[in-house]
Amino acid sequence: MSFQPHSGAEIPPLTVRVARASNPHGTSAMWTRDRLDGLWTDEDFTGWYPRDGRPGLSPAQLATVCVLQYVMNLSDRAAAEAVRCRIDFKYALGLELEDPGFHHSVLSDFRDRLAEGDRADRLLGLALTRIRRVRGRYES
């Protein structure tokens, strides 16, 4: 699997309309997207994957799935199924409604990469820095 960054990943308009129509008050997954969007981008994971080979999934999306998986206490299989089947997960990840998702083993591989060296600490530090920056804008 190779690293090929996705830019910004806006939520497709149809996904937004269907998610908002079916969940007018939102869900945990939708709130996560609305509040945590931008905490990490694919470029934050540049050194984690080779540049050649079969294109990989968006590491920023996989990080978001891991957050949702933790918050909702989901197994890898259940999290992968949620990405495949739930409209609010597609919203949270900025996916088209037709997106087929991924095999559950991808999450384990992602966590293995996250556990190497100080990657988890650096990613958390980056997210906290971005949260402080956004919070500072609201307090000014």
C-alpha atoms as a PDB file:
ATOM      1  CA  MET A   1       0.000   0.000   0.000  1.00  0.00           C
ATOM      2  CA  SER A   2       1.347   3.439  -0.878  1.00  0.00           C
ATOM      3  CA  PHE A   3       0.689   6.941   0.385  1.00  0.00           C
ATOM      4  CA  GLN A   4      -1.214   9.224  -1.961  1.00  0.00           C
ATOM      5  CA  PRO A   5      -2.687  12.151  -0.018  1.00  0.00           C
ATOM      6  CA  HIS A   6      -6.277  13.234  -0.468  1.00  0.00           C
ATOM      7  CA  SER A   7      -6.852  16.948  -0.312  1.00  0.00           C
ATOM      8  CA  GLY A   8      -9.217  18.444   2.251  1.00  0.00           C
ATOM      9  CA  ALA A   9     -11.904  15.796   1.693  1.00  0.00           C
ATOM     10  CA  GLU A  10     -15.074  17.850   1.792  1.00  0.00           C
ATOM     11  CA  ILE A  11     -18.229  15.912   2.517  1.00  0.00           C
ATOM     12  CA  PRO A  12     -20.086  15.146  -0.731  1.00  0.00           C
ATOM     13  CA  PRO A  13     -23.293  17.220  -0.925  1.00  0.00           C
ATOM     14  CA  LEU A  14     -25.580  14.174  -1.268  1.00  0.00           C
ATOM     15  CA  THR A  15     -23.994  12.577   1.805  1.00  0.00           C
ATOM     16  CA  VAL A  16     -24.599  15.792   3.770  1.00  0.00           C
ATOM     17  CA  ARG A  17     -28.226  16.034   2.652  1.00  0.00           C
ATOM     18  CA  VAL A  18     -29.057  12.404   3.427  1.00  0.00           C
ATOM     19  CA  ALA A  19     -27.194  12.398   6.758  1.00  0.00           C
ATOM     20  CA  ARG A  20     -28.856  15.626   7.913  1.00  0.00           C
ATOM     21  CA  ALA A  21     -32.302  14.471   6.739  1.00  0.00           C
ATOM     22  CA  SER A  22     -32.039  11.123   8.508  1.00  0.00           C
ATOM     23  CA  ASN A  23     -30.309  12.540  11.617  1.00  0.00           C
ATOM     24  CA  PRO A  24     -31.484  16.156  12.067  1.00  0.00           C
ATOM     25  CA  HIS A  25     -29.883  16.427  15.503  1.00  0.00           C
ATOM     26  CA  GLY A  26     -26.719  14.665  14.382  1.00  0.00           C
ATOM     27  CA  THR A  27     -25.011  11.585  15.799  1.00  0.00           C
ATOM     28  CA  SER A  28     -21.747  10.999  17.628  1.00  0.00           C
ATOM     29  CA  ALA A  29     -20.051  10.314  14.310  1.00  0.00           C
ATOM     30  CA  MET A  30     -21.407  13.508  12.749  1.00  0.00           C
ATOM     31  CA  TRP A  31     -20.485  15.598  15.796  1.00  0.00           C
ATOM     32  CA  THR A  32     -16.973  14.137  15.649  1.00  0.00           C
ATOM     33  CA  ARG A  33     -16.600  15.277  12.037  1.00  0.00           C
ATOM     34  CA  ASP A  34     -18.076  18.695  12.729  1.00  0.00           C
ATOM     35  CA  ARG A  35     -15.830  19.322  15.725  1.00  0.00           C
ATOM     36  CA  LEU A  36     -12.616  17.452  14.891  1.00  0.00           C
ATOM     37  CA  ASP A  37     -12.360  18.031  11.146  1.00  0.00           C
ATOM     38  CA  GLY A  38      -8.929  19.371  10.350  1.00  0.00           C
ATOM     39  CA  LEU A  39      -7.126  17.915  13.365  1.00  0.00           C
ATOM     40  CA  TRP A  40      -5.021  15.893  10.972  1.00  0.00           C
ATOM     41  CA  THR A  41      -4.542  15.701   7.236  1.00  0.00           C
ATOM     42  CA  ASP A  42      -3.061  13.004   5.054  1.00  0.00           C
ATOM     43  CA  GLU A  43       0.136  15.046   4.824  1.00  0.00           C
ATOM     44  CA  ASP A  44       0.624  14.502   8.590  1.00  0.00           C
ATOM     45  CA  PHE A  45       1.220  10.808   7.797  1.00  0.00           C
ATOM     46  CA  THR A  46       3.672  11.243   4.933  1.00  0.00           C
ATOM     47  CA  GLY A  47       6.491   9.134   6.384  1.00  0.00           C
ATOM     48  CA  TRP A  48       4.231   6.243   7.374  1.00  0.00           C
ATOM     49  CA  TYR A  49       3.717   4.743   3.916  1.00  0.00           C
ATOM     50  CA  PRO A  50       5.862   4.228   0.803  1.00  0.00           C
ATOM     51  CA  ARG A  51       5.184   6.454  -2.212  1.00  0.00           C
ATOM     52  CA  ASP A  52       4.932   3.571  -4.710  1.00  0.00           C
ATOM     53  CA  GLY A  53       2.620   0.586  -4.904  1.00  0.00           C
ATOM     54  CA  ARG A  54      -1.133   0.171  -4.721  1.00  0.00           C
ATOM     55  CA  PRO A  55      -2.860   3.371  -3.503  1.00  0.00           C
ATOM     56  CA  GLY A  56      -3.812   3.205   0.142  1.00  0.00           C
ATOM     57  CA  LEU A  57      -6.707   4.532   2.122  1.00  0.00           C
ATOM     58  CA  SER A  58      -6.593   8.016   3.571  1.00  0.00           C
ATOM     59  CA  PRO A  59      -4.653   7.836   6.859  1.00  0.00           C
ATOM     60  CA  ALA A  60      -6.533  10.889   8.156  1.00  0.00           C
ATOM     61  CA  GLN A  61      -9.789   9.017   7.565  1.00  0.00           C
ATOM     62  CA  LEU A  62      -8.397   5.920   9.282  1.00  0.00           C
ATOM     63  CA  ALA A  63      -7.393   8.062  12.277  1.00  0.00           C
ATOM     64  CA  THR A  64     -10.960   9.365  12.418  1.00  0.00           C
ATOM     65  CA  VAL A  65     -12.322   5.812  12.252  1.00  0.00           C
ATOM     66  CA  CYS A  66     -10.046   4.896  15.183  1.00  0.00           C
ATOM     67  CA  VAL A  67     -11.441   7.807  17.211  1.00  0.00           C
ATOM     68  CA  LEU A  68     -15.022   6.756  16.405  1.00  0.00           C
ATOM     69  CA  GLN A  69     -14.158   3.135  17.151  1.00  0.00           C
ATOM     70  CA  TYR A  70     -12.864   4.114  20.574  1.00  0.00           C
ATOM     71  CA  VAL A  71     -15.734   6.462  21.407  1.00  0.00           C
ATOM     72  CA  MET A  72     -18.355   3.886  20.395  1.00  0.00           C
ATOM     73  CA  ASN A  73     -16.461   0.862  21.752  1.00  0.00           C
ATOM     74  CA  LEU A  74     -16.507  -0.944  18.389  1.00  0.00           C
ATOM     75  CA  SER A  75     -14.450  -3.924  17.305  1.00  0.00           C
ATOM     76  CA  ASP A  76     -12.439  -3.641  14.092  1.00  0.00           C
ATOM     77  CA  ARG A  77     -15.113  -5.618  12.247  1.00  0.00           C
ATOM     78  CA  ALA A  78     -17.921  -3.454  13.625  1.00  0.00           C
ATOM     79  CA  ALA A  79     -16.050  -0.239  12.793  1.00  0.00           C
ATOM     80  CA  ALA A  80     -15.365  -1.395   9.220  1.00  0.00           C
ATOM     81  CA  GLU A  81     -19.026  -2.419   8.887  1.00  0.00           C
ATOM     82  CA  ALA A  82     -20.122   1.005  10.157  1.00  0.00           C
ATOM     83  CA  VAL A  83     -17.971   2.683   7.475  1.00  0.00           C
ATOM     84  CA  ARG A  84     -19.555   0.431   4.880  1.00  0.00           C
ATOM     85  CA  CYS A  85     -23.188   0.720   6.077  1.00  0.00           C
ATOM     86  CA  ARG A  86     -23.831   3.810   8.209  1.00  0.00           C
ATOM     87  CA  ILE A  87     -24.651   7.154   6.641  1.00  0.00           C
ATOM     88  CA  ASP A  88     -23.313   9.078   9.638  1.00  0.00           C
ATOM     89  CA  PHE A  89     -19.924   7.342   9.319  1.00  0.00           C
ATOM     90  CA  LYS A  90     -19.818   8.223   5.627  1.00  0.00           C
ATOM     91  CA  TYR A  91     -20.545  11.823   6.649  1.00  0.00           C
ATOM     92  CA  ALA A  92     -17.811  11.729   9.308  1.00  0.00           C
ATOM     93  CA  LEU A  93     -15.270  10.472   6.781  1.00  0.00           C
ATOM     94  CA  GLY A  94     -16.421  12.627   3.858  1.00  0.00           C
ATOM     95  CA  LEU A  95     -17.317   9.582   1.754  1.00  0.00           C
ATOM     96  CA  GLU A  96     -19.756   9.154  -1.085  1.00  0.00           C
ATOM     97  CA  LEU A  97     -22.801   7.097  -0.103  1.00  0.00           C
ATOM     98  CA  GLU A  98     -21.690   4.373  -2.545  1.00  0.00           C
ATOM     99  CA  ASP A  99     -18.227   4.005  -0.981  1.00  0.00           C
ATOM    100  CA  PRO A 100     -17.642   0.297  -0.260  1.00  0.00           C
ATOM    101  CA  GLY A 101     -15.465   0.869   2.809  1.00  0.00           C
ATOM    102  CA  PHE A 102     -12.492  -1.360   3.609  1.00  0.00           C
ATOM    103  CA  HIS A 103     -11.546  -4.682   5.169  1.00  0.00           C
ATOM    104  CA  HIS A 104     -11.385  -4.625   8.967  1.00  0.00           C
ATOM    105  CA  SER A 105      -7.712  -5.697   8.969  1.00  0.00           C
ATOM    106  CA  VAL A 106      -6.787  -2.236   7.649  1.00  0.00           C
ATOM    107  CA  LEU A 107      -7.460  -0.800  11.117  1.00  0.00           C
ATOM    108  CA  SER A 108      -5.016  -3.180  12.771  1.00  0.00           C
ATOM    109  CA  ASP A 109      -2.360  -2.298  10.181  1.00  0.00           C
ATOM    110  CA  PHE A 110      -2.966   1.417  10.789  1.00  0.00           C
ATOM    111  CA  ARG A 111      -2.634   0.992  14.573  1.00  0.00           C
ATOM    112  CA  ASP A 112       0.603  -0.975  14.043  1.00  0.00           C
ATOM    113  CA  ARG A 113       1.993   1.958  12.061  1.00  0.00           C
ATOM    114  CA  LEU A 114       0.749   4.373  14.743  1.00  0.00           C
ATOM    115  CA  ALA A 115       2.555   2.372  17.446  1.00  0.00           C
ATOM    116  CA  GLU A 116       5.962   2.680  15.742  1.00  0.00           C
ATOM    117  CA  GLY A 117       8.386   5.013  17.498  1.00  0.00           C
ATOM    118  CA  ASP A 118       6.788   8.189  18.780  1.00  0.00           C
ATOM    119  CA  ARG A 119       4.180   8.513  16.014  1.00  0.00           C
ATOM    120  CA  ALA A 120       1.187   8.396  18.372  1.00  0.00           C
ATOM    121  CA  ASP A 121       2.679  11.093  20.606  1.00  0.00           C
ATOM    122  CA  ARG A 122       3.510  13.322  17.633  1.00  0.00           C
ATOM    123  CA  LEU A 123       0.016  12.892  16.164  1.00  0.00           C
ATOM    124  CA  LEU A 124      -1.606  13.696  19.510  1.00  0.00           C
ATOM    125  CA  GLY A 125       0.654  16.729  19.945  1.00  0.00           C
ATOM    126  CA  LEU A 126      -0.266  17.957  16.478  1.00  0.00           C
ATOM    127  CA  ALA A 127      -3.986  17.529  17.195  1.00  0.00           C
ATOM    128  CA  LEU A 128      -3.701  19.340  20.530  1.00  0.00           C
ATOM    129  CA  THR A 129      -1.827  22.220  18.907  1.00  0.00           C
ATOM    130  CA  ARG A 130      -4.551  22.559  16.284  1.00  0.00           C
ATOM    131  CA  ILE A 131      -7.301  22.390  18.946  1.00  0.00           C
ATOM    132  CA  ARG A 132      -5.593  25.176  20.918  1.00  0.00           C
ATOM    133  CA  ARG A 133      -5.302  27.284  17.770  1.00  0.00           C
ATOM    134  CA  VAL A 134      -9.009  26.876  16.958  1.00  0.00           C
ATOM    135  CA  ARG A 135     -10.018  27.436  20.580  1.00  0.00           C
ATOM    136  CA  GLY A 136      -7.915  30.617  20.693  1.00  0.00           C
ATOM    137  CA  ARG A 137      -9.843  32.003  17.708  1.00  0.00           C
ATOM    138  CA  TYR A 138     -13.129  31.543  19.557  1.00  0.00           C
ATOM    139  CA  GLU A 139     -11.856  33.106  22.783  1.00  0.00           C
ATOM    140  CA  SER A 140     -10.490  36.228  21.085  1.00  0.00           C
END
